[in-house]
Amino acid sequence: MAANVLERNNVQVIGEGAETIMFAHGFGCDQNMWRFVTPAFEGRYKLVLFDYVGCGKSDLTAYNEEKYSTLNGYAEDIVEICNELKLGKVIFIGHSVSSMIGILAYIQLPELFERMIFVCPSPRYINDLGYIGGFEKQDLEDLLDVMDSNYIGWASFLAPVVMKNPDMPELSEELQKSFCSIEPRITKKFAEVTFFSDNRKDLNKINIPTLILQCSDDAIAPDEIGDYMHEHTPGSTLNKMEATGHCPHMSHPDETIDKINKFLAN
């Protein structure tokens, strides 16, 4: 069973140290996106990286549309990975939607986690009364329609919007290739689950130190979301970065490493 879990999610364990950091990638990505920051931690921590089912080098035959029709399905996999590796007191670092998946994993089994670090998180992407999520529902529905009619065009449009930093076009190209490497039906389902979930009521269920990293000029998670996260997440620290875009671990790894190190040192 253990081998199946680890193979299913292409789990990789590297580094040394008594404490464990688990890195969880965002929508349309894979564990390779963390490669610019992991070298800074592998000498002091045991690092656990993985791919969500349907992404990267995960086992595509393990994809179950019913299970992964909510973020809880992905959270269950995180708990399973931790249990199979006999992990405890994990420092969880989640990018984008993985921040919410991390919260749901914490709710399922709080004793697994010691700290949470959220990179560009959002509990709700759709604007609501008194809440700025960044998108109107119709805009996201239109974006999903484009996935059906022109998948390559969708990927080439969205990647630079997410990444920003036009002076580093290779990063947008990498993200676009990552989008296109995933089976379209799985990508669309993950997109629906990501963009239409509402985890605002889950934020106050966290009871461990939490760092919220908010980027500047983030088209996916605007400033208002970082403020909302901080206000509604007990014991959280909000750190607004100079980094622009939605993927600072790729575009601005040095600043990302610095912010994480300072949080872990406290």
C-alpha atoms as a PDB file:
ATOM      1  CA  MET A   1       0.000   0.000   0.000  1.00  0.00           C
ATOM      2  CA  ALA A   2       2.796   2.415   0.940  1.00  0.00           C
ATOM      3  CA  ALA A   3       4.517   1.958  -2.403  1.00  0.00           C
ATOM      4  CA  ASN A   4       1.233   2.604  -4.196  1.00  0.00           C
ATOM      5  CA  VAL A   5       0.651   5.880  -2.365  1.00  0.00           C
ATOM      6  CA  LEU A   6       4.166   7.121  -3.014  1.00  0.00           C
ATOM      7  CA  GLU A   7       4.106   6.067  -6.668  1.00  0.00           C
ATOM      8  CA  ARG A   8       0.631   7.477  -7.185  1.00  0.00           C
ATOM      9  CA  ASN A   9       1.772  10.965  -6.243  1.00  0.00           C
ATOM     10  CA  ASN A  10       5.369  10.619  -7.462  1.00  0.00           C
ATOM     11  CA  VAL A  11       6.607  11.395  -3.951  1.00  0.00           C
ATOM     12  CA  GLN A  12      10.254  12.442  -3.641  1.00  0.00           C
ATOM     13  CA  VAL A  13      12.061  12.764  -0.305  1.00  0.00           C
ATOM     14  CA  ILE A  14      15.335  14.687  -0.243  1.00  0.00           C
ATOM     15  CA  GLY A  15      17.507  16.533   2.237  1.00  0.00           C
ATOM     16  CA  GLU A  16      18.491  16.014   5.839  1.00  0.00           C
ATOM     17  CA  GLY A  17      17.156  17.123   9.167  1.00  0.00           C
ATOM     18  CA  ALA A  18      14.778  16.183  11.933  1.00  0.00           C
ATOM     19  CA  GLU A  19      12.086  18.612  10.739  1.00  0.00           C
ATOM     20  CA  THR A  20      10.090  18.073   7.576  1.00  0.00           C
ATOM     21  CA  ILE A  21       8.950  20.583   4.965  1.00  0.00           C
ATOM     22  CA  MET A  22       6.284  19.472   2.509  1.00  0.00           C
ATOM     23  CA  PHE A  23       6.025  21.475  -0.703  1.00  0.00           C
ATOM     24  CA  ALA A  24       2.669  21.423  -2.512  1.00  0.00           C
ATOM     25  CA  HIS A  25       2.435  22.841  -6.028  1.00  0.00           C
ATOM     26  CA  GLY A  26      -0.371  24.936  -7.486  1.00  0.00           C
ATOM     27  CA  PHE A  27      -2.920  24.397 -10.256  1.00  0.00           C
ATOM     28  CA  GLY A  28      -1.441  23.276 -13.567  1.00  0.00           C
ATOM     29  CA  CYS A  29       2.026  22.831 -12.076  1.00  0.00           C
ATOM     30  CA  ASP A  30       4.150  20.039 -10.612  1.00  0.00           C
ATOM     31  CA  GLN A  31       6.816  19.599  -7.949  1.00  0.00           C
ATOM     32  CA  ASN A  32       9.575  20.732 -10.325  1.00  0.00           C
ATOM     33  CA  MET A  33       8.341  24.314  -9.909  1.00  0.00           C
ATOM     34  CA  TRP A  34       9.942  24.349  -6.437  1.00  0.00           C
ATOM     35  CA  ARG A  35      13.458  23.652  -7.761  1.00  0.00           C
ATOM     36  CA  PHE A  36      14.661  27.229  -7.259  1.00  0.00           C
ATOM     37  CA  VAL A  37      13.921  27.241  -3.518  1.00  0.00           C
ATOM     38  CA  THR A  38      14.459  23.662  -2.304  1.00  0.00           C
ATOM     39  CA  PRO A  39      18.298  23.787  -2.369  1.00  0.00           C
ATOM     40  CA  ALA A  40      18.165  26.466   0.346  1.00  0.00           C
ATOM     41  CA  PHE A  41      16.437  24.050   2.746  1.00  0.00           C
ATOM     42  CA  GLU A  42      17.642  20.533   1.946  1.00  0.00           C
ATOM     43  CA  GLY A  43      20.720  20.848   4.161  1.00  0.00           C
ATOM     44  CA  ARG A  44      18.611  21.551   7.253  1.00  0.00           C
ATOM     45  CA  TYR A  45      15.278  19.853   6.615  1.00  0.00           C
ATOM     46  CA  LYS A  46      13.843  16.693   5.173  1.00  0.00           C
ATOM     47  CA  LEU A  47      11.901  17.810   2.113  1.00  0.00           C
ATOM     48  CA  VAL A  48       8.852  16.010   0.743  1.00  0.00           C
ATOM     49  CA  LEU A  49       7.697  16.862  -2.770  1.00  0.00           C
ATOM     50  CA  PHE A  50       4.892  15.297  -4.764  1.00  0.00           C
ATOM     51  CA  ASP A  51       2.597  15.717  -7.759  1.00  0.00           C
ATOM     52  CA  TYR A  52      -1.170  15.818  -7.389  1.00  0.00           C
ATOM     53  CA  VAL A  53      -2.886  12.987  -9.230  1.00  0.00           C
ATOM     54  CA  GLY A  54      -3.254  14.111 -12.836  1.00  0.00           C
ATOM     55  CA  CYS A  55      -0.208  16.401 -12.691  1.00  0.00           C
ATOM     56  CA  GLY A  56       3.483  15.899 -13.393  1.00  0.00           C
ATOM     57  CA  LYS A  57       4.622  12.290 -13.158  1.00  0.00           C
ATOM     58  CA  SER A  58       1.751  11.106 -10.988  1.00  0.00           C
ATOM     59  CA  ASP A  59      -0.134   7.902 -11.780  1.00  0.00           C
ATOM     60  CA  LEU A  60      -2.878   9.007 -14.178  1.00  0.00           C
ATOM     61  CA  THR A  61      -4.704   5.705 -13.707  1.00  0.00           C
ATOM     62  CA  ALA A  62      -5.346   6.751 -10.097  1.00  0.00           C
ATOM     63  CA  TYR A  63      -7.414   9.759 -11.170  1.00  0.00           C
ATOM     64  CA  ASN A  64     -10.982   9.481  -9.935  1.00  0.00           C
ATOM     65  CA  GLU A  65     -13.259  12.310 -11.025  1.00  0.00           C
ATOM     66  CA  GLU A  66     -15.630  11.816  -8.118  1.00  0.00           C
ATOM     67  CA  LYS A  67     -12.847  11.920  -5.527  1.00  0.00           C
ATOM     68  CA  TYR A  68     -11.188  14.959  -7.064  1.00  0.00           C
ATOM     69  CA  SER A  69     -14.416  16.858  -7.642  1.00  0.00           C
ATOM     70  CA  THR A  70     -13.630  18.746  -4.407  1.00  0.00           C
ATOM     71  CA  LEU A  71     -10.391  19.968  -2.860  1.00  0.00           C
ATOM     72  CA  ASN A  72     -10.936  17.468  -0.034  1.00  0.00           C
ATOM     73  CA  GLY A  73      -9.903  14.669  -2.388  1.00  0.00           C
ATOM     74  CA  TYR A  74      -6.491  16.264  -2.848  1.00  0.00           C
ATOM     75  CA  ALA A  75      -6.257  16.921   0.897  1.00  0.00           C
ATOM     76  CA  GLU A  76      -6.868  13.227   1.567  1.00  0.00           C
ATOM     77  CA  ASP A  77      -3.830  12.407  -0.557  1.00  0.00           C
ATOM     78  CA  ILE A  78      -1.650  14.764   1.495  1.00  0.00           C
ATOM     79  CA  VAL A  79      -2.775  13.057   4.699  1.00  0.00           C
ATOM     80  CA  GLU A  80      -2.119   9.637   3.149  1.00  0.00           C
ATOM     81  CA  ILE A  81       1.381  10.649   2.058  1.00  0.00           C
ATOM     82  CA  CYS A  82       2.196  11.956   5.534  1.00  0.00           C
ATOM     83  CA  ASN A  83       0.879   8.806   7.166  1.00  0.00           C
ATOM     84  CA  GLU A  84       2.747   6.476   4.828  1.00  0.00           C
ATOM     85  CA  LEU A  85       6.009   8.350   5.454  1.00  0.00           C
ATOM     86  CA  LYS A  86       5.201   8.456   9.192  1.00  0.00           C
ATOM     87  CA  LEU A  87       5.541  12.229   9.219  1.00  0.00           C
ATOM     88  CA  GLY A  88       4.567  14.517  12.050  1.00  0.00           C
ATOM     89  CA  LYS A  89       4.937  18.193  12.874  1.00  0.00           C
ATOM     90  CA  VAL A  90       5.188  18.980   9.168  1.00  0.00           C
ATOM     91  CA  ILE A  91       5.901  22.485   7.902  1.00  0.00           C
ATOM     92  CA  PHE A  92       3.503  22.710   4.975  1.00  0.00           C
ATOM     93  CA  ILE A  93       4.275  25.123   2.129  1.00  0.00           C
ATOM     94  CA  GLY A  94       1.452  25.428  -0.385  1.00  0.00           C
ATOM     95  CA  HIS A  95       1.316  27.530  -3.516  1.00  0.00           C
ATOM     96  CA  SER A  96      -1.985  29.073  -4.598  1.00  0.00           C
ATOM     97  CA  VAL A  97      -4.820  26.511  -4.371  1.00  0.00           C
ATOM     98  CA  SER A  98      -2.565  24.220  -2.350  1.00  0.00           C
ATOM     99  CA  SER A  99      -2.903  26.657   0.523  1.00  0.00           C
ATOM    100  CA  MET A 100      -6.575  25.729   0.782  1.00  0.00           C
ATOM    101  CA  ILE A 101      -5.801  22.051   0.252  1.00  0.00           C
ATOM    102  CA  GLY A 102      -3.327  22.320   3.130  1.00  0.00           C
ATOM    103  CA  ILE A 103      -6.009  23.819   5.362  1.00  0.00           C
ATOM    104  CA  LEU A 104      -8.362  20.969   4.519  1.00  0.00           C
ATOM    105  CA  ALA A 105      -5.627  18.433   5.270  1.00  0.00           C
ATOM    106  CA  TYR A 106      -5.046  20.159   8.607  1.00  0.00           C
ATOM    107  CA  ILE A 107      -8.766  19.958   9.391  1.00  0.00           C
ATOM    108  CA  GLN A 108      -8.695  16.225   8.607  1.00  0.00           C
ATOM    109  CA  LEU A 109      -5.687  15.521  10.857  1.00  0.00           C
ATOM    110  CA  PRO A 110      -4.364  18.577  12.747  1.00  0.00           C
ATOM    111  CA  GLU A 111      -1.611  16.711  14.597  1.00  0.00           C
ATOM    112  CA  LEU A 112       0.293  16.197  11.341  1.00  0.00           C
ATOM    113  CA  PHE A 113       1.189  19.861  11.003  1.00  0.00           C
ATOM    114  CA  GLU A 114       3.328  22.319  12.943  1.00  0.00           C
ATOM    115  CA  ARG A 115       3.311  25.377  10.663  1.00  0.00           C
ATOM    116  CA  MET A 116       1.666  26.530   7.450  1.00  0.00           C
ATOM    117  CA  ILE A 117       3.164  28.762   4.780  1.00  0.00           C
ATOM    118  CA  PHE A 118       0.834  29.976   2.050  1.00  0.00           C
ATOM    119  CA  VAL A 119       2.307  31.404  -1.159  1.00  0.00           C
ATOM    120  CA  CYS A 120      -0.245  33.583  -2.978  1.00  0.00           C
ATOM    121  CA  PRO A 121      -3.302  31.944  -1.387  1.00  0.00           C
ATOM    122  CA  SER A 122      -6.955  32.661  -2.036  1.00  0.00           C
ATOM    123  CA  PRO A 123      -9.956  31.197  -0.201  1.00  0.00           C
ATOM    124  CA  ARG A 124     -12.377  32.341  -2.890  1.00  0.00           C
ATOM    125  CA  TYR A 125     -11.594  33.608  -6.397  1.00  0.00           C
ATOM    126  CA  ILE A 126     -15.067  34.943  -7.182  1.00  0.00           C
ATOM    127  CA  ASN A 127     -16.191  38.382  -6.021  1.00  0.00           C
ATOM    128  CA  ASP A 128     -18.981  38.358  -3.456  1.00  0.00           C
ATOM    129  CA  LEU A 129     -20.915  40.906  -1.443  1.00  0.00           C
ATOM    130  CA  GLY A 130     -18.277  42.695   0.665  1.00  0.00           C
ATOM    131  CA  TYR A 131     -15.537  40.422  -0.660  1.00  0.00           C
ATOM    132  CA  ILE A 132     -13.036  40.963  -3.481  1.00  0.00           C
ATOM    133  CA  GLY A 133     -11.892  37.697  -4.983  1.00  0.00           C
ATOM    134  CA  GLY A 134     -10.582  39.164  -8.207  1.00  0.00           C
ATOM    135  CA  PHE A 135     -13.002  37.597 -10.711  1.00  0.00           C
ATOM    136  CA  GLU A 136     -16.634  37.653 -11.678  1.00  0.00           C
ATOM    137  CA  LYS A 137     -18.184  34.204 -12.000  1.00  0.00           C
ATOM    138  CA  GLN A 138     -18.988  34.775 -15.664  1.00  0.00           C
ATOM    139  CA  ASP A 139     -15.337  35.586 -16.419  1.00  0.00           C
ATOM    140  CA  LEU A 140     -14.227  32.250 -15.018  1.00  0.00           C
ATOM    141  CA  GLU A 141     -16.992  30.378 -16.823  1.00  0.00           C
ATOM    142  CA  ASP A 142     -15.886  32.011 -20.074  1.00  0.00           C
ATOM    143  CA  LEU A 143     -12.289  30.980 -19.377  1.00  0.00           C
ATOM    144  CA  LEU A 144     -13.370  27.378 -18.879  1.00  0.00           C
ATOM    145  CA  ASP A 145     -15.333  27.498 -22.131  1.00  0.00           C
ATOM    146  CA  VAL A 146     -12.145  28.507 -23.924  1.00  0.00           C
ATOM    147  CA  MET A 147     -10.477  25.386 -22.530  1.00  0.00           C
ATOM    148  CA  ASP A 148     -13.036  23.324 -24.449  1.00  0.00           C
ATOM    149  CA  SER A 149     -12.797  25.235 -27.705  1.00  0.00           C
ATOM    150  CA  ASN A 150      -9.095  26.143 -27.810  1.00  0.00           C
ATOM    151  CA  TYR A 151      -7.026  24.451 -25.128  1.00  0.00           C
ATOM    152  CA  ILE A 152      -3.650  25.574 -26.502  1.00  0.00           C
ATOM    153  CA  GLY A 153      -4.941  29.125 -26.830  1.00  0.00           C
ATOM    154  CA  TRP A 154      -6.208  29.003 -23.242  1.00  0.00           C
ATOM    155  CA  ALA A 155      -2.796  27.904 -21.967  1.00  0.00           C
ATOM    156  CA  SER A 156      -0.902  30.512 -23.989  1.00  0.00           C
ATOM    157  CA  PHE A 157      -3.220  33.252 -22.695  1.00  0.00           C
ATOM    158  CA  LEU A 158      -3.288  32.251 -19.025  1.00  0.00           C
ATOM    159  CA  ALA A 159       0.391  31.422 -18.442  1.00  0.00           C
ATOM    160  CA  PRO A 160       1.781  34.977 -18.837  1.00  0.00           C
ATOM    161  CA  VAL A 161      -1.160  36.403 -16.852  1.00  0.00           C
ATOM    162  CA  VAL A 162      -0.301  34.103 -13.958  1.00  0.00           C
ATOM    163  CA  MET A 163       3.464  34.449 -14.162  1.00  0.00           C
ATOM    164  CA  LYS A 164       3.783  38.164 -15.001  1.00  0.00           C
ATOM    165  CA  ASN A 165       7.478  39.200 -15.163  1.00  0.00           C
ATOM    166  CA  PRO A 166       7.693  39.611 -18.959  1.00  0.00           C
ATOM    167  CA  ASP A 167      11.446  40.083 -18.607  1.00  0.00           C
ATOM    168  CA  MET A 168      11.614  36.330 -17.852  1.00  0.00           C
ATOM    169  CA  PRO A 169       9.553  34.884 -20.737  1.00  0.00           C
ATOM    170  CA  GLU A 170      11.062  31.448 -20.190  1.00  0.00           C
ATOM    171  CA  LEU A 171       9.020  31.103 -16.996  1.00  0.00           C
ATOM    172  CA  SER A 172       5.741  31.806 -18.776  1.00  0.00           C
ATOM    173  CA  GLU A 173       6.744  29.331 -21.461  1.00  0.00           C
ATOM    174  CA  GLU A 174       7.466  26.700 -18.813  1.00  0.00           C
ATOM    175  CA  LEU A 175       4.118  27.273 -17.173  1.00  0.00           C
ATOM    176  CA  GLN A 176       2.339  27.059 -20.525  1.00  0.00           C
ATOM    177  CA  LYS A 177       4.069  23.747 -21.267  1.00  0.00           C
ATOM    178  CA  SER A 178       3.057  22.514 -17.821  1.00  0.00           C
ATOM    179  CA  PHE A 179      -0.580  23.378 -18.514  1.00  0.00           C
ATOM    180  CA  CYS A 180      -0.404  21.536 -21.820  1.00  0.00           C
ATOM    181  CA  SER A 181       1.294  18.464 -20.368  1.00  0.00           C
ATOM    182  CA  ILE A 182      -1.787  17.587 -18.317  1.00  0.00           C
ATOM    183  CA  GLU A 183      -4.740  15.754 -19.838  1.00  0.00           C
ATOM    184  CA  PRO A 184      -7.254  18.497 -20.739  1.00  0.00           C
ATOM    185  CA  ARG A 185     -10.246  16.872 -19.025  1.00  0.00           C
ATOM    186  CA  ILE A 186      -8.263  16.624 -15.769  1.00  0.00           C
ATOM    187  CA  THR A 187      -6.993  20.184 -16.078  1.00  0.00           C
ATOM    188  CA  LYS A 188     -10.492  21.513 -16.634  1.00  0.00           C
ATOM    189  CA  LYS A 189     -11.871  19.619 -13.647  1.00  0.00           C
ATOM    190  CA  PHE A 190      -9.039  20.853 -11.437  1.00  0.00           C
ATOM    191  CA  ALA A 191      -9.679  24.391 -12.732  1.00  0.00           C
ATOM    192  CA  GLU A 192     -13.375  24.139 -11.858  1.00  0.00           C
ATOM    193  CA  VAL A 193     -12.585  22.849  -8.380  1.00  0.00           C
ATOM    194  CA  THR A 194      -9.929  25.527  -7.867  1.00  0.00           C
ATOM    195  CA  PHE A 195     -11.816  28.561  -9.093  1.00  0.00           C
ATOM    196  CA  PHE A 196     -15.306  27.711  -7.825  1.00  0.00           C
ATOM    197  CA  SER A 197     -14.441  26.508  -4.314  1.00  0.00           C
ATOM    198  CA  ASP A 198     -15.184  28.692  -1.310  1.00  0.00           C
ATOM    199  CA  ASN A 199     -12.987  28.028   1.714  1.00  0.00           C
ATOM    200  CA  ARG A 200     -13.525  31.273   3.576  1.00  0.00           C
ATOM    201  CA  LYS A 201     -15.229  29.495   6.472  1.00  0.00           C
ATOM    202  CA  ASP A 202     -12.256  27.151   6.862  1.00  0.00           C
ATOM    203  CA  LEU A 203      -9.680  29.843   7.601  1.00  0.00           C
ATOM    204  CA  ASN A 204     -10.472  30.178  11.299  1.00  0.00           C
ATOM    205  CA  LYS A 205     -10.059  26.442  11.831  1.00  0.00           C
ATOM    206  CA  ILE A 206      -6.262  26.677  11.702  1.00  0.00           C
ATOM    207  CA  ASN A 207      -4.613  26.795  15.095  1.00  0.00           C
ATOM    208  CA  ILE A 208      -0.895  26.818  14.244  1.00  0.00           C
ATOM    209  CA  PRO A 209       1.515  29.592  13.173  1.00  0.00           C
ATOM    210  CA  THR A 210       0.783  30.549   9.558  1.00  0.00           C
ATOM    211  CA  LEU A 211       2.660  32.758   7.116  1.00  0.00           C
ATOM    212  CA  ILE A 212       0.789  34.396   4.240  1.00  0.00           C
ATOM    213  CA  LEU A 213       2.998  35.573   1.386  1.00  0.00           C
ATOM    214  CA  GLN A 214       1.208  38.147  -0.776  1.00  0.00           C
ATOM    215  CA  CYS A 215       2.797  39.217  -4.060  1.00  0.00           C
ATOM    216  CA  SER A 216       2.591  42.634  -5.645  1.00  0.00           C
ATOM    217  CA  ASP A 217       0.590  42.945  -8.865  1.00  0.00           C
ATOM    218  CA  ASP A 218      -0.900  39.457  -8.642  1.00  0.00           C
ATOM    219  CA  ALA A 219      -3.704  39.080 -11.187  1.00  0.00           C
ATOM    220  CA  ILE A 220      -4.926  35.852  -9.560  1.00  0.00           C
ATOM    221  CA  ALA A 221      -4.854  36.838  -5.878  1.00  0.00           C
ATOM    222  CA  PRO A 222      -5.006  40.648  -5.470  1.00  0.00           C
ATOM    223  CA  ASP A 223      -3.914  42.558  -2.357  1.00  0.00           C
ATOM    224  CA  GLU A 224      -7.378  42.488  -0.819  1.00  0.00           C
ATOM    225  CA  ILE A 225      -7.202  38.701  -0.573  1.00  0.00           C
ATOM    226  CA  GLY A 226      -3.999  38.776   1.454  1.00  0.00           C
ATOM    227  CA  ASP A 227      -5.610  41.208   3.878  1.00  0.00           C
ATOM    228  CA  TYR A 228      -8.726  39.010   4.099  1.00  0.00           C
ATOM    229  CA  MET A 229      -6.653  35.894   4.713  1.00  0.00           C
ATOM    230  CA  HIS A 230      -4.720  37.586   7.490  1.00  0.00           C
ATOM    231  CA  GLU A 231      -7.828  38.981   9.145  1.00  0.00           C
ATOM    232  CA  HIS A 232      -9.635  35.641   9.196  1.00  0.00           C
ATOM    233  CA  THR A 233      -6.732  33.251   9.912  1.00  0.00           C
ATOM    234  CA  PRO A 234      -5.867  33.103  13.631  1.00  0.00           C
ATOM    235  CA  GLY A 235      -2.178  33.431  14.464  1.00  0.00           C
ATOM    236  CA  SER A 236      -1.254  34.390  10.918  1.00  0.00           C
ATOM    237  CA  THR A 237       1.493  36.703   9.707  1.00  0.00           C
ATOM    238  CA  LEU A 238       0.980  38.611   6.465  1.00  0.00           C
ATOM    239  CA  ASN A 239       4.099  39.481   4.497  1.00  0.00           C
ATOM    240  CA  LYS A 240       3.667  41.547   1.347  1.00  0.00           C
ATOM    241  CA  MET A 241       6.459  40.843  -1.090  1.00  0.00           C
ATOM    242  CA  GLU A 242       8.160  43.015  -3.650  1.00  0.00           C
ATOM    243  CA  ALA A 243       7.854  40.065  -6.027  1.00  0.00           C
ATOM    244  CA  THR A 244       5.273  40.460  -8.780  1.00  0.00           C
ATOM    245  CA  GLY A 245       2.997  37.858 -10.311  1.00  0.00           C
ATOM    246  CA  HIS A 246       1.545  34.686  -8.846  1.00  0.00           C
ATOM    247  CA  CYS A 247       4.628  32.418  -8.721  1.00  0.00           C
ATOM    248  CA  PRO A 248       7.326  34.110  -6.614  1.00  0.00           C
ATOM    249  CA  HIS A 249       9.051  30.796  -5.901  1.00  0.00           C
ATOM    250  CA  MET A 250       9.943  30.778  -9.595  1.00  0.00           C
ATOM    251  CA  SER A 251      10.267  34.456 -10.491  1.00  0.00           C
ATOM    252  CA  HIS A 252      11.741  35.716  -7.195  1.00  0.00           C
ATOM    253  CA  PRO A 253      13.175  32.687  -5.370  1.00  0.00           C
ATOM    254  CA  ASP A 254      15.667  34.635  -3.247  1.00  0.00           C
ATOM    255  CA  GLU A 255      12.976  36.826  -1.696  1.00  0.00           C
ATOM    256  CA  THR A 256      10.735  33.800  -1.208  1.00  0.00           C
ATOM    257  CA  ILE A 257      13.510  31.899   0.559  1.00  0.00           C
ATOM    258  CA  ASP A 258      14.287  34.900   2.747  1.00  0.00           C
ATOM    259  CA  LYS A 259      10.654  35.341   3.858  1.00  0.00           C
ATOM    260  CA  ILE A 260      10.313  31.645   4.664  1.00  0.00           C
ATOM    261  CA  ASN A 261      13.587  31.528   6.590  1.00  0.00           C
ATOM    262  CA  LYS A 262      12.641  34.512   8.723  1.00  0.00           C
ATOM    263  CA  PHE A 263       9.292  32.929   9.569  1.00  0.00           C
ATOM    264  CA  LEU A 264      10.874  29.608  10.477  1.00  0.00           C
ATOM    265  CA  ALA A 265      13.475  31.305  12.657  1.00  0.00           C
ATOM    266  CA  ASN A 266      10.795  32.728  14.985  1.00  0.00           C
END
